[in-house]
């Protein structure tokens, strides 16, 4: 059951990453300028909004689901991020 939840959250995160990449590609074409059209500004605003929602989803959903899967104490958001950092160091440090 927990593995299914983890897979579901992962699939939702992949969808969010698709939309972030789409927004990023649009903004990359616009580039850095001194002044922007309102439409261009809107595309940057959309990118920032999608990025913010995805980070929130990653921390509040994915990391908490992983903590539950590993029977970690979830606690506050800071605890969840610290658990993710410890997990990263454990799996990716040489």
PDB file of N, CA and C in Angstrom:
ATOM      1  N   UNK A   1       0.822  -1.191   0.000  1.00  0.00           N
ATOM      2  CA  UNK A   1       0.000   0.000   0.000  1.00  0.00           C
ATOM      3  C   UNK A   1       0.867   1.256   0.000  1.00  0.00           C
ATOM      4  N   UNK A   2       1.893   1.280   0.833  1.00  0.00           N
ATOM      5  CA  UNK A   2       2.775   2.437   0.888  1.00  0.00           C
ATOM      6  C   UNK A   2       3.571   2.567  -0.406  1.00  0.00           C
ATOM      7  N   UNK A   3       3.955   1.437  -0.970  1.00  0.00           N
ATOM      8  CA  UNK A   3       4.695   1.458  -2.230  1.00  0.00           C
ATOM      9  C   UNK A   3       3.820   2.027  -3.351  1.00  0.00           C
ATOM     10  N   UNK A   4       2.546   1.710  -3.356  1.00  0.00           N
ATOM     11  CA  UNK A   4       1.618   2.258  -4.356  1.00  0.00           C
ATOM     12  C   UNK A   4       1.494   3.771  -4.190  1.00  0.00           C
ATOM     13  N   UNK A   5       1.440   4.253  -2.951  1.00  0.00           N
ATOM     14  CA  UNK A   5       1.379   5.695  -2.671  1.00  0.00           C
ATOM     15  C   UNK A   5       2.646   6.378  -3.165  1.00  0.00           C
ATOM     16  N   UNK A   6       3.774   5.761  -2.919  1.00  0.00           N
ATOM     17  CA  UNK A   6       5.048   6.309  -3.373  1.00  0.00           C
ATOM     18  C   UNK A   6       5.085   6.387  -4.900  1.00  0.00           C
ATOM     19  N   UNK A   7       4.608   5.356  -5.569  1.00  0.00           N
ATOM     20  CA  UNK A   7       4.566   5.350  -7.033  1.00  0.00           C
ATOM     21  C   UNK A   7       3.611   6.414  -7.557  1.00  0.00           C
ATOM     22  N   UNK A   8       2.478   6.567  -6.912  1.00  0.00           N
ATOM     23  CA  UNK A   8       1.498   7.580  -7.315  1.00  0.00           C
ATOM     24  C   UNK A   8       2.100   8.989  -7.174  1.00  0.00           C
ATOM     25  N   UNK A   9       2.731   9.262  -6.042  1.00  0.00           N
ATOM     26  CA  UNK A   9       3.355  10.566  -5.830  1.00  0.00           C
ATOM     27  C   UNK A   9       4.470  10.814  -6.848  1.00  0.00           C
ATOM     28  N   UNK A  10       5.235   9.786  -7.148  1.00  0.00           N
ATOM     29  CA  UNK A  10       6.307   9.902  -8.129  1.00  0.00           C
ATOM     30  C   UNK A  10       5.748  10.251  -9.507  1.00  0.00           C
ATOM     31  N   UNK A  11       4.664   9.606  -9.895  1.00  0.00           N
ATOM     32  CA  UNK A  11       4.042   9.898 -11.192  1.00  0.00           C
ATOM     33  C   UNK A  11       3.514  11.335 -11.245  1.00  0.00           C
ATOM     34  N   UNK A  12       2.952  11.798 -10.151  1.00  0.00           N
ATOM     35  CA  UNK A  12       2.489  13.184 -10.096  1.00  0.00           C
ATOM     36  C   UNK A  12       3.657  14.160 -10.190  1.00  0.00           C
ATOM     37  N   UNK A  13       4.766  13.838  -9.546  1.00  0.00           N
ATOM     38  CA  UNK A  13       5.953  14.687  -9.613  1.00  0.00           C
ATOM     39  C   UNK A  13       6.499  14.738 -11.039  1.00  0.00           C
ATOM     40  N   UNK A  14       6.491  13.608 -11.736  1.00  0.00           N
ATOM     41  CA  UNK A  14       6.953  13.591 -13.127  1.00  0.00           C
ATOM     42  C   UNK A  14       6.094  14.495 -14.003  1.00  0.00           C
ATOM     43  N   UNK A  15       4.793  14.522 -13.768  1.00  0.00           N
ATOM     44  CA  UNK A  15       3.910  15.410 -14.525  1.00  0.00           C
ATOM     45  C   UNK A  15       4.258  16.872 -14.254  1.00  0.00           C
ATOM     46  N   UNK A  16       4.516  17.177 -12.992  1.00  0.00           N
ATOM     47  CA  UNK A  16       4.890  18.545 -12.643  1.00  0.00           C
ATOM     48  C   UNK A  16       6.210  18.936 -13.301  1.00  0.00           C
ATOM     49  N   UNK A  17       7.152  18.021 -13.338  1.00  0.00           N
ATOM     50  CA  UNK A  17       8.441  18.309 -13.970  1.00  0.00           C
ATOM     51  C   UNK A  17       8.280  18.551 -15.473  1.00  0.00           C
ATOM     52  N   UNK A  18       7.349  17.858 -16.102  1.00  0.00           N
ATOM     53  CA  UNK A  18       7.064  18.098 -17.518  1.00  0.00           C
ATOM     54  C   UNK A  18       6.645  19.551 -17.732  1.00  0.00           C
ATOM     55  N   UNK A  19       5.739  20.051 -16.893  1.00  0.00           N
ATOM     56  CA  UNK A  19       5.252  21.413 -17.048  1.00  0.00           C
ATOM     57  C   UNK A  19       6.322  22.445 -16.703  1.00  0.00           C
ATOM     58  N   UNK A  20       7.167  22.133 -15.728  1.00  0.00           N
ATOM     59  CA  UNK A  20       8.275  23.042 -15.419  1.00  0.00           C
ATOM     60  C   UNK A  20       9.224  23.139 -16.612  1.00  0.00           C
ATOM     61  N   UNK A  21       9.556  21.995 -17.207  1.00  0.00           N
ATOM     62  CA  UNK A  21      10.452  21.997 -18.359  1.00  0.00           C
ATOM     63  C   UNK A  21       9.846  22.783 -19.509  1.00  0.00           C
ATOM     64  N   UNK A  22       8.563  22.642 -19.735  1.00  0.00           N
ATOM     65  CA  UNK A  22       7.890  23.395 -20.786  1.00  0.00           C
ATOM     66  C   UNK A  22       8.022  24.895 -20.535  1.00  0.00           C
ATOM     67  N   UNK A  23       7.761  25.327 -19.321  1.00  0.00           N
ATOM     68  CA  UNK A  23       7.893  26.746 -18.970  1.00  0.00           C
ATOM     69  C   UNK A  23       9.338  27.206 -19.074  1.00  0.00           C
ATOM     70  N   UNK A  24      10.258  26.381 -18.622  1.00  0.00           N
ATOM     71  CA  UNK A  24      11.677  26.730 -18.687  1.00  0.00           C
ATOM     72  C   UNK A  24      12.125  26.938 -20.133  1.00  0.00           C
ATOM     73  N   UNK A  25      11.712  26.037 -21.009  1.00  0.00           N
ATOM     74  CA  UNK A  25      12.087  26.157 -22.424  1.00  0.00           C
ATOM     75  C   UNK A  25      11.541  27.447 -23.033  1.00  0.00           C
ATOM     76  N   UNK A  26      10.309  27.822 -22.673  1.00  0.00           N
ATOM     77  CA  UNK A  26       9.739  29.083 -23.164  1.00  0.00           C
ATOM     78  C   UNK A  26      10.538  30.280 -22.656  1.00  0.00           C
ATOM     79  N   UNK A  27      10.928  30.245 -21.394  1.00  0.00           N
ATOM     80  CA  UNK A  27      11.681  31.356 -20.809  1.00  0.00           C
ATOM     81  C   UNK A  27      13.102  31.415 -21.364  1.00  0.00           C
ATOM     82  N   UNK A  28      13.673  30.272 -21.650  1.00  0.00           N
ATOM     83  CA  UNK A  28      15.022  30.228 -22.215  1.00  0.00           C
ATOM     84  C   UNK A  28      15.047  30.909 -23.581  1.00  0.00           C
ATOM     85  N   UNK A  29      14.002  30.707 -24.362  1.00  0.00           N
ATOM     86  CA  UNK A  29      13.904  31.358 -25.675  1.00  0.00           C
ATOM     87  C   UNK A  29      13.815  32.879 -25.505  1.00  0.00           C
ATOM     88  N   UNK A  30      13.079  33.325 -24.498  1.00  0.00           N
ATOM     89  CA  UNK A  30      12.936  34.772 -24.249  1.00  0.00           C
ATOM     90  C   UNK A  30      14.287  35.367 -23.870  1.00  0.00           C
ATOM     91  N   UNK A  31      15.019  34.681 -22.988  1.00  0.00           N
ATOM     92  CA  UNK A  31      16.343  35.152 -22.578  1.00  0.00           C
ATOM     93  C   UNK A  31      16.297  36.282 -21.565  1.00  0.00           C
ATOM     94  N   UNK A  32      17.475  36.825 -21.307  1.00  0.00           N
ATOM     95  CA  UNK A  32      17.631  37.923 -20.346  1.00  0.00           C
ATOM     96  C   UNK A  32      17.614  39.238 -21.123  1.00  0.00           C
ATOM     97  N   UNK A  33      16.776  40.157 -20.683  1.00  0.00           N
ATOM     98  CA  UNK A  33      16.631  41.463 -21.327  1.00  0.00           C
ATOM     99  C   UNK A  33      16.556  42.551 -20.265  1.00  0.00           C
ATOM    100  N   UNK A  34      16.642  43.779 -20.723  1.00  0.00           N
ATOM    101  CA  UNK A  34      16.430  44.898 -19.797  1.00  0.00           C
ATOM    102  C   UNK A  34      14.943  45.128 -19.561  1.00  0.00           C
ATOM    103  N   UNK A  35      14.118  44.899 -20.606  1.00  0.00           N
ATOM    104  CA  UNK A  35      12.674  45.080 -20.476  1.00  0.00           C
ATOM    105  C   UNK A  35      11.954  43.926 -21.160  1.00  0.00           C
ATOM    106  N   UNK A  36      10.792  43.580 -20.617  1.00  0.00           N
ATOM    107  CA  UNK A  36      10.007  42.461 -21.132  1.00  0.00           C
ATOM    108  C   UNK A  36       8.604  42.925 -21.510  1.00  0.00           C
ATOM    109  N   UNK A  37       8.016  42.265 -22.508  1.00  0.00           N
ATOM    110  CA  UNK A  37       6.598  42.435 -22.794  1.00  0.00           C
ATOM    111  C   UNK A  37       5.809  41.795 -21.673  1.00  0.00           C
ATOM    112  N   UNK A  38       4.582  42.175 -21.538  1.00  0.00           N
ATOM    113  CA  UNK A  38       3.730  41.607 -20.487  1.00  0.00           C
ATOM    114  C   UNK A  38       3.567  40.096 -20.670  1.00  0.00           C
ATOM    115  N   UNK A  39       3.491  39.630 -21.918  1.00  0.00           N
ATOM    116  CA  UNK A  39       3.377  38.191 -22.176  1.00  0.00           C
ATOM    117  C   UNK A  39       4.631  37.449 -21.734  1.00  0.00           C
ATOM    118  N   UNK A  40       5.787  38.052 -21.980  1.00  0.00           N
ATOM    119  CA  UNK A  40       7.052  37.431 -21.576  1.00  0.00           C
ATOM    120  C   UNK A  40       7.150  37.376 -20.060  1.00  0.00           C
ATOM    121  N   UNK A  41       6.769  38.468 -19.419  1.00  0.00           N
ATOM    122  CA  UNK A  41       6.782  38.495 -17.959  1.00  0.00           C
ATOM    123  C   UNK A  41       5.865  37.412 -17.398  1.00  0.00           C
ATOM    124  N   UNK A  42       4.720  37.225 -18.028  1.00  0.00           N
ATOM    125  CA  UNK A  42       3.776  36.192 -17.600  1.00  0.00           C
ATOM    126  C   UNK A  42       4.372  34.799 -17.685  1.00  0.00           C
ATOM    127  N   UNK A  43       5.189  34.554 -18.703  1.00  0.00           N
ATOM    128  CA  UNK A  43       5.819  33.231 -18.836  1.00  0.00           C
ATOM    129  C   UNK A  43       6.820  32.988 -17.711  1.00  0.00           C
ATOM    130  N   UNK A  44       7.562  34.030 -17.326  1.00  0.00           N
ATOM    131  CA  UNK A  44       8.486  33.886 -16.197  1.00  0.00           C
ATOM    132  C   UNK A  44       7.726  33.682 -14.889  1.00  0.00           C
ATOM    133  N   UNK A  45       6.625  34.382 -14.755  1.00  0.00           N
ATOM    134  CA  UNK A  45       5.795  34.226 -13.561  1.00  0.00           C
ATOM    135  C   UNK A  45       5.226  32.808 -13.475  1.00  0.00           C
ATOM    136  N   UNK A  46       4.809  32.266 -14.614  1.00  0.00           N
ATOM    137  CA  UNK A  46       4.299  30.901 -14.658  1.00  0.00           C
ATOM    138  C   UNK A  46       5.378  29.901 -14.269  1.00  0.00           C
ATOM    139  N   UNK A  47       6.591  30.109 -14.764  1.00  0.00           N
ATOM    140  CA  UNK A  47       7.706  29.231 -14.409  1.00  0.00           C
ATOM    141  C   UNK A  47       7.950  29.255 -12.899  1.00  0.00           C
ATOM    142  N   UNK A  48       7.996  30.437 -12.324  1.00  0.00           N
ATOM    143  CA  UNK A  48       8.232  30.554 -10.875  1.00  0.00           C
ATOM    144  C   UNK A  48       7.123  29.883 -10.075  1.00  0.00           C
ATOM    145  N   UNK A  49       5.898  30.057 -10.507  1.00  0.00           N
ATOM    146  CA  UNK A  49       4.761  29.456  -9.819  1.00  0.00           C
ATOM    147  C   UNK A  49       4.816  27.931  -9.886  1.00  0.00           C
ATOM    148  N   UNK A  50       5.106  27.403 -11.066  1.00  0.00           N
ATOM    149  CA  UNK A  50       5.196  25.949 -11.215  1.00  0.00           C
ATOM    150  C   UNK A  50       6.356  25.387 -10.401  1.00  0.00           C
ATOM    151  N   UNK A  51       7.466  26.100 -10.385  1.00  0.00           N
ATOM    152  CA  UNK A  51       8.615  25.660  -9.596  1.00  0.00           C
ATOM    153  C   UNK A  51       8.249  25.627  -8.107  1.00  0.00           C
ATOM    154  N   UNK A  52       7.616  26.668  -7.641  1.00  0.00           N
ATOM    155  CA  UNK A  52       7.232  26.750  -6.232  1.00  0.00           C
ATOM    156  C   UNK A  52       6.276  25.627  -5.841  1.00  0.00           C
ATOM    157  N   UNK A  53       5.276  25.372  -6.660  1.00  0.00           N
ATOM    158  CA  UNK A  53       4.326  24.292  -6.363  1.00  0.00           C
ATOM    159  C   UNK A  53       5.017  22.930  -6.369  1.00  0.00           C
ATOM    160  N   UNK A  54       5.960  22.755  -7.270  1.00  0.00           N
ATOM    161  CA  UNK A  54       6.665  21.466  -7.344  1.00  0.00           C
ATOM    162  C   UNK A  54       7.557  21.238  -6.132  1.00  0.00           C
ATOM    163  N   UNK A  55       8.244  22.279  -5.684  1.00  0.00           N
ATOM    164  CA  UNK A  55       9.069  22.153  -4.481  1.00  0.00           C
ATOM    165  C   UNK A  55       8.190  21.843  -3.280  1.00  0.00           C
ATOM    166  N   UNK A  56       7.060  22.518  -3.182  1.00  0.00           N
ATOM    167  CA  UNK A  56       6.120  22.261  -2.094  1.00  0.00           C
ATOM    168  C   UNK A  56       5.633  20.809  -2.142  1.00  0.00           C
ATOM    169  N   UNK A  57       5.294  20.331  -3.331  1.00  0.00           N
ATOM    170  CA  UNK A  57       4.853  18.947  -3.490  1.00  0.00           C
ATOM    171  C   UNK A  57       5.975  17.977  -3.103  1.00  0.00           C
ATOM    172  N   UNK A  58       7.181  18.266  -3.543  1.00  0.00           N
ATOM    173  CA  UNK A  58       8.317  17.401  -3.237  1.00  0.00           C
ATOM    174  C   UNK A  58       8.519  17.260  -1.731  1.00  0.00           C
ATOM    175  N   UNK A  59       8.483  18.370  -1.035  1.00  0.00           N
ATOM    176  CA  UNK A  59       8.735  18.341   0.410  1.00  0.00           C
ATOM    177  C   UNK A  59       7.528  17.794   1.175  1.00  0.00           C
ATOM    178  N   UNK A  60       6.353  18.338   0.893  1.00  0.00           N
ATOM    179  CA  UNK A  60       5.170  17.968   1.681  1.00  0.00           C
ATOM    180  C   UNK A  60       4.600  16.594   1.332  1.00  0.00           C
ATOM    181  N   UNK A  61       4.797  16.130   0.112  1.00  0.00           N
ATOM    182  CA  UNK A  61       4.230  14.841  -0.283  1.00  0.00           C
ATOM    183  C   UNK A  61       5.303  13.768  -0.418  1.00  0.00           C
ATOM    184  N   UNK A  62       6.233  13.984  -1.346  1.00  0.00           N
ATOM    185  CA  UNK A  62       7.224  12.941  -1.647  1.00  0.00           C
ATOM    186  C   UNK A  62       8.093  12.600  -0.437  1.00  0.00           C
ATOM    187  N   UNK A  63       8.713  13.614   0.142  1.00  0.00           N
ATOM    188  CA  UNK A  63       9.610  13.352   1.269  1.00  0.00           C
ATOM    189  C   UNK A  63       8.859  12.747   2.447  1.00  0.00           C
ATOM    190  N   UNK A  64       7.649  13.214   2.713  1.00  0.00           N
ATOM    191  CA  UNK A  64       6.858  12.642   3.812  1.00  0.00           C
ATOM    192  C   UNK A  64       6.470  11.198   3.511  1.00  0.00           C
ATOM    193  N   UNK A  65       6.122  10.915   2.259  1.00  0.00           N
ATOM    194  CA  UNK A  65       5.787   9.536   1.883  1.00  0.00           C
ATOM    195  C   UNK A  65       6.999   8.634   2.049  1.00  0.00           C
ATOM    196  N   UNK A  66       8.163   9.105   1.635  1.00  0.00           N
ATOM    197  CA  UNK A  66       9.398   8.317   1.801  1.00  0.00           C
ATOM    198  C   UNK A  66       9.688   8.096   3.280  1.00  0.00           C
ATOM    199  N   UNK A  67       9.505   9.138   4.087  1.00  0.00           N
ATOM    200  CA  UNK A  67       9.696   8.983   5.532  1.00  0.00           C
ATOM    201  C   UNK A  67       8.760   7.918   6.097  1.00  0.00           C
ATOM    202  N   UNK A  68       7.515   7.937   5.686  1.00  0.00           N
ATOM    203  CA  UNK A  68       6.561   6.919   6.147  1.00  0.00           C
ATOM    204  C   UNK A  68       6.981   5.529   5.689  1.00  0.00           C
ATOM    205  N   UNK A  69       7.431   5.438   4.463  1.00  0.00           N
ATOM    206  CA  UNK A  69       7.874   4.170   3.888  1.00  0.00           C
ATOM    207  C   UNK A  69       9.044   3.594   4.686  1.00  0.00           C
ATOM    208  N   UNK A  70       9.936   4.476   5.156  1.00  0.00           N
ATOM    209  CA  UNK A  70      11.108   4.048   5.925  1.00  0.00           C
ATOM    210  C   UNK A  70      10.881   4.110   7.429  1.00  0.00           C
ATOM    211  N   UNK A  71       9.648   4.338   7.849  1.00  0.00           N
ATOM    212  CA  UNK A  71       9.279   4.405   9.272  1.00  0.00           C
ATOM    213  C   UNK A  71      10.051   5.477  10.031  1.00  0.00           C
ATOM    214  N   UNK A  72      10.317   6.598   9.366  1.00  0.00           N
ATOM    215  CA  UNK A  72      10.995   7.730  10.002  1.00  0.00           C
ATOM    216  C   UNK A  72       9.960   8.605  10.705  1.00  0.00           C
ATOM    217  N   UNK A  73      10.394   9.275  11.764  1.00  0.00           N
ATOM    218  CA  UNK A  73       9.559  10.253  12.432  1.00  0.00           C
ATOM    219  C   UNK A  73       9.464  11.478  11.522  1.00  0.00           C
ATOM    220  N   UNK A  74       8.260  11.863  11.119  1.00  0.00           N
ATOM    221  CA  UNK A  74       8.118  12.960  10.164  1.00  0.00           C
ATOM    222  C   UNK A  74       8.330  14.322  10.809  1.00  0.00           C
ATOM    223  N   UNK A  75       7.662  14.617  11.873  1.00  0.00           N
ATOM    224  CA  UNK A  75       7.852  15.875  12.579  1.00  0.00           C
ATOM    225  C   UNK A  75       7.543  17.095  11.730  1.00  0.00           C
ATOM    226  N   UNK A  76       8.352  18.134  11.897  1.00  0.00           N
ATOM    227  CA  UNK A  76       8.151  19.393  11.182  1.00  0.00           C
ATOM    228  C   UNK A  76       8.715  19.302   9.766  1.00  0.00           C
ATOM    229  N   UNK A  77       8.470  20.345   8.981  1.00  0.00           N
ATOM    230  CA  UNK A  77       9.045  20.382   7.632  1.00  0.00           C
ATOM    231  C   UNK A  77      10.563  20.365   7.669  1.00  0.00           C
ATOM    232  N   UNK A  78      11.136  21.019   8.673  1.00  0.00           N
ATOM    233  CA  UNK A  78      12.597  21.008   8.822  1.00  0.00           C
ATOM    234  C   UNK A  78      13.080  19.577   9.063  1.00  0.00           C
ATOM    235  N   UNK A  79      12.358  18.830   9.881  1.00  0.00           N
ATOM    236  CA  UNK A  79      12.711  17.425  10.122  1.00  0.00           C
ATOM    237  C   UNK A  79      12.634  16.612   8.833  1.00  0.00           C
ATOM    238  N   UNK A  80      11.610  16.855   8.034  1.00  0.00           N
ATOM    239  CA  UNK A  80      11.438  16.124   6.776  1.00  0.00           C
ATOM    240  C   UNK A  80      12.608  16.417   5.833  1.00  0.00           C
ATOM    241  N   UNK A  81      12.997  17.690   5.742  1.00  0.00           N
ATOM    242  CA  UNK A  81      14.122  18.067   4.875  1.00  0.00           C
ATOM    243  C   UNK A  81      15.420  17.482   5.417  1.00  0.00           C
ATOM    244  N   UNK A  82      15.607  17.519   6.725  1.00  0.00           N
ATOM    245  CA  UNK A  82      16.813  16.919   7.318  1.00  0.00           C
ATOM    246  C   UNK A  82      16.871  15.421   7.043  1.00  0.00           C
ATOM    247  N   UNK A  83      15.742  14.739   7.145  1.00  0.00           N
ATOM    248  CA  UNK A  83      15.711  13.307   6.828  1.00  0.00           C
ATOM    249  C   UNK A  83      16.099  13.066   5.373  1.00  0.00           C
ATOM    250  N   UNK A  84      15.597  13.906   4.470  1.00  0.00           N
ATOM    251  CA  UNK A  84      15.936  13.769   3.052  1.00  0.00           C
ATOM    252  C   UNK A  84      17.428  14.000   2.834  1.00  0.00           C
ATOM    253  N   UNK A  85      17.997  14.966   3.545  1.00  0.00           N
ATOM    254  CA  UNK A  85      19.429  15.250   3.417  1.00  0.00           C
ATOM    255  C   UNK A  85      20.260  14.080   3.934  1.00  0.00           C
ATOM    256  N   UNK A  86      19.872  13.524   5.067  1.00  0.00           N
ATOM    257  CA  UNK A  86      20.572  12.350   5.605  1.00  0.00           C
ATOM    258  C   UNK A  86      20.478  11.179   4.637  1.00  0.00           C
ATOM    259  N   UNK A  87      19.297  11.000   4.054  1.00  0.00           N
ATOM    260  CA  UNK A  87      19.091   9.925   3.083  1.00  0.00           C
ATOM    261  C   UNK A  87      20.001  10.128   1.874  1.00  0.00           C
ATOM    262  N   UNK A  88      20.104  11.350   1.404  1.00  0.00           N
ATOM    263  CA  UNK A  88      20.968  11.667   0.260  1.00  0.00           C
ATOM    264  C   UNK A  88      22.427  11.351   0.588  1.00  0.00           C
ATOM    265  N   UNK A  89      22.870  11.810   1.755  1.00  0.00           N
ATOM    266  CA  UNK A  89      24.268  11.545   2.150  1.00  0.00           C
ATOM    267  C   UNK A  89      24.525  10.051   2.275  1.00  0.00           C
ATOM    268  N   UNK A  90      23.570   9.326   2.805  1.00  0.00           N
ATOM    269  CA  UNK A  90      23.722   7.891   3.006  1.00  0.00           C
ATOM    270  C   UNK A  90      23.860   7.148   1.676  1.00  0.00           C
ATOM    271  N   UNK A  91      23.098   7.554   0.680  1.00  0.00           N
ATOM    272  CA  UNK A  91      23.089   6.829  -0.596  1.00  0.00           C
ATOM    273  C   UNK A  91      24.086   7.362  -1.622  1.00  0.00           C
ATOM    274  N   UNK A  92      24.475   8.636  -1.516  1.00  0.00           N
ATOM    275  CA  UNK A  92      25.285   9.215  -2.576  1.00  0.00           C
ATOM    276  C   UNK A  92      26.670   9.697  -2.161  1.00  0.00           C
ATOM    277  N   UNK A  93      27.014   9.582  -0.899  1.00  0.00           N
ATOM    278  CA  UNK A  93      28.373   9.991  -0.517  1.00  0.00           C
ATOM    279  C   UNK A  93      29.323   8.817  -0.676  1.00  0.00           C
ATOM    280  N   UNK A  94      30.513   9.157  -1.057  1.00  0.00           N
ATOM    281  CA  UNK A  94      31.513   8.092  -1.290  1.00  0.00           C
ATOM    282  C   UNK A  94      32.435   7.928  -0.111  1.00  0.00           C
TER     283      UNK A  94
END
